[in-house]
Amino acid sequence: MTDVPGIWVGHYTDTAAASGTTVVICADGAVGGVDVRGAAPGTRETDLLAPENLVEKVQAVCLSGGSVYGLAAADGVVRHLESRAIGFQIDDIHVAPIVPAAVLFDLGRGLEFRPPVDSSWGELACRSAGPGPVKTGCVGAGTGAMSGGIKGGVGSASLVLDMGIIVAALVVVNSLGSTVDPATGTFWEARLESGKEFAGRIRPRVVLPATPTGTTGENTTLAVVATDAVLTKPQAKKIAMMAHDGMARAIRPAHTMFDGDIVYCLATAKQPLPEKSSLFTAPVAQTINELGHAAADCLARAIIRGILDAQSSYGLTAYRDLKHV
């Protein structure tokens, strides 16, 4: 994710609580879009990102464990940014940081049923944020994550298109559906590996545990895709929509009645969109197609990374420790 200039990522991890918070910060602001596909979302400020609404840019996205209680973490992100004069300019002195947020269900996986999440989690995640390599696996919002009956986690991936534009994805995988095809024992989207990013860690055919039956609201995959392209809010919305295709390919089933699946899109506006000849009136339509397709592929790869990098914990077996045949 931090391959996109201007994007920082930070985590706060509470291992005892089996929960945590992850923030994606864009201090200079980024045009935002969002698409909610799951039927059990827990969110804050998503309506603000609708193309017809006023505010164009956001300064951060907060992803947290703790289910409905986890939305409190966003308060800490807002206060952290406000103290640094980062936000929507209200007047010559005051700003209002715009921080959309979403939460996932990880209740009952730590020492106590409800993790002690509050605004300090968001503040601490911001303090740890930086432009360096993103920590993945059982960190931040992915600390207590579960995916298809095995250990979930945080993953990230990026891609530089031939046109020079960068696309990246960060995801917290806590899905009802599985990332592994039970017929083949390997990842649905293993074919998308870029270079050696999976580092030979895709094992021979693994044996999956029993498929979870699912309980309302006990899952959710949360994702942020980002690009350095110049986008409008409708274009950011469209790329968020297309990125969901990567989630649906990499996790099956996705967008269920028990998941609150969400994809945010952030555009830092560093590179203009190349215009390409087209039969349509919008000369950048083909470029948007390419960005959306790249976002979907990056998200699918990030999902696999989140599973590969997770470690067995909280009574959940990680992919790396599954039996194989």
Foldseek 3Di string as FASTA:
>chain_A
DLVAPQWKKFWDDDLQQLWIKIKIFRQVWWFKAKDWQAQFWAKDLNVCLPQVHDDGTAGMEMEIEQANQQVQLVVLLQVLSQVVVGACDPDPRGHGGHYMYIYAYQAPLHPHRGDPHHNVRNNNRVVGMDSDDDDKALTGRQVRADAQQFRFMKFKFKDQDPVRKIKMKIKRFRYLFHQADQVQQWGLPPVLDDDCVLVPLTDGRFHDDDRDPADARNGEMEMEMEIQEDDGSVLQNVLQVLLVLLVPRRTPNPSYNRYRYMYMYTYNHPHYQDFDDDPDPGRRVVVSVVNSPRSNSNSNVRRVRRQSRYPDDSPGHGPSPTHHD
